[in-house]
Amino acid sequence: MKVNKMILNISLWLAVLAILFIPGNAPTEGADRIKYGFPLRFFIQYQQNSWFIKGVSIDLFGYFVNVVIIYAVISGLQYINNKRKNRRNDQ
């Protein structure tokens, strides 16, 4: 299977932008932290440090799983759209 670079680029950016546009999850127990990311939480911000980068944890495996999930969804939607267009042209 050939990787579509445009869809991969969109998937990479959507996974990063999910941190900004989708609300985080703040667990009620344990350390004060907020988890960001969609569909998997991969960016964790701990509230105990005043310095921005010192209180951040990034799970790269979770990020790349998000990219793969988003890539698969976009590719599937593109495949369904192409099939629908081909049916219209055949009629």
Protein backbone atom coordinates (compact mmCIF):
# COMPACT_ATOMS: atom_id res chain seq x y z
CA MET A 1 0.00 0.00 0.00
CA LYS A 2 1.34 3.38 -0.99
CA VAL A 3 1.21 6.15 1.62
CA ASN A 4 -0.55 9.30 0.49
CA LYS A 5 1.73 12.11 1.67
CA MET A 6 -1.01 14.75 1.63
CA ILE A 7 -3.30 12.68 3.86
CA LEU A 8 -0.35 11.86 6.14
CA ASN A 9 0.48 15.57 6.45
CA ILE A 10 -3.14 16.38 7.29
CA SER A 11 -3.21 13.56 9.86
CA LEU A 12 -0.04 14.80 11.54
CA TRP A 13 -1.42 18.34 11.83
CA LEU A 14 -4.88 17.25 13.00
CA ALA A 15 -3.34 15.19 15.80
CA VAL A 16 -1.34 18.24 16.98
CA LEU A 17 -4.24 20.68 16.59
CA ALA A 18 -6.48 18.38 18.63
CA ILE A 19 -4.47 19.54 21.66
CA LEU A 20 -5.64 23.12 21.11
CA PHE A 21 -9.22 22.66 19.95
CA ILE A 22 -10.52 19.62 21.86
CA PRO A 23 -10.99 20.12 25.62
CA GLY A 24 -8.70 18.26 27.96
CA ASN A 25 -9.56 15.66 30.55
CA ALA A 26 -8.76 16.50 34.19
CA PRO A 27 -8.84 13.39 36.41
CA THR A 28 -10.21 14.00 39.91
CA GLU A 29 -7.79 11.67 41.70
CA GLY A 30 -4.01 11.57 41.66
CA ALA A 31 -1.68 14.39 40.64
CA ASP A 32 -3.10 17.64 39.27
CA ARG A 33 -2.87 17.15 35.54
CA ILE A 34 -4.77 17.74 32.32
CA LYS A 35 -4.65 15.21 29.47
CA TYR A 36 -5.03 16.37 25.86
CA GLY A 37 -5.36 14.59 22.54
CA PHE A 38 -8.00 12.80 20.49
CA PRO A 39 -8.86 9.91 20.20
CA LEU A 40 -6.04 8.89 22.57
CA ARG A 41 -4.63 11.24 25.21
CA PHE A 42 -0.93 11.78 24.47
CA PHE A 43 -0.14 15.26 25.86
CA ILE A 44 -0.20 15.61 29.66
CA GLN A 45 0.27 18.94 31.44
CA TYR A 46 1.04 18.74 35.15
CA GLN A 47 -0.18 21.72 37.18
CA GLN A 48 2.45 21.64 39.94
CA ASN A 49 5.25 23.38 37.95
CA SER A 50 5.17 27.04 37.01
CA TRP A 51 7.58 26.57 34.09
CA PHE A 52 5.71 25.57 30.91
CA ILE A 53 7.91 22.81 29.50
CA LYS A 54 8.93 21.35 32.85
CA GLY A 55 5.39 20.19 33.59
CA VAL A 56 4.66 18.59 30.20
CA SER A 57 4.75 14.93 29.22
CA ILE A 58 4.38 13.86 25.59
CA ASP A 59 3.66 10.22 24.76
CA LEU A 60 5.03 9.79 21.23
CA PHE A 61 3.57 6.31 20.83
CA GLY A 62 0.10 7.67 21.59
CA TYR A 63 0.67 10.52 19.13
CA PHE A 64 1.64 8.17 16.30
CA VAL A 65 -1.31 5.89 17.07
CA ASN A 66 -3.56 8.97 16.77
CA VAL A 67 -1.95 9.81 13.42
CA VAL A 68 -2.55 6.26 12.16
CA ILE A 69 -6.19 6.35 13.29
CA ILE A 70 -6.82 9.75 11.68
CA TYR A 71 -5.01 8.62 8.49
CA ALA A 72 -7.17 5.49 8.30
CA VAL A 73 -10.39 7.48 8.77
CA ILE A 74 -9.47 10.05 6.11
CA SER A 75 -8.34 7.33 3.68
CA GLY A 76 -11.56 5.41 4.26
CA LEU A 77 -13.68 8.50 3.65
CA GLN A 78 -11.74 9.24 0.47
CA TYR A 79 -12.22 5.64 -0.73
CA ILE A 80 -15.98 5.78 -0.08
CA ASN A 81 -16.23 9.15 -1.84
CA ASN A 82 -14.35 7.84 -4.90
CA LYS A 83 -16.60 4.75 -5.08
CA ARG A 84 -19.69 6.95 -4.88
CA LYS A 85 -18.41 9.20 -7.68
CA ASN A 86 -17.59 6.19 -9.86
CA ARG A 87 -21.12 4.83 -9.43
CA ARG A 88 -22.57 8.16 -10.54
CA ASN A 89 -20.38 8.21 -13.64
CA ASP A 90 -21.32 4.63 -14.56
CA GLN A 91 -25.06 5.36 -14.50
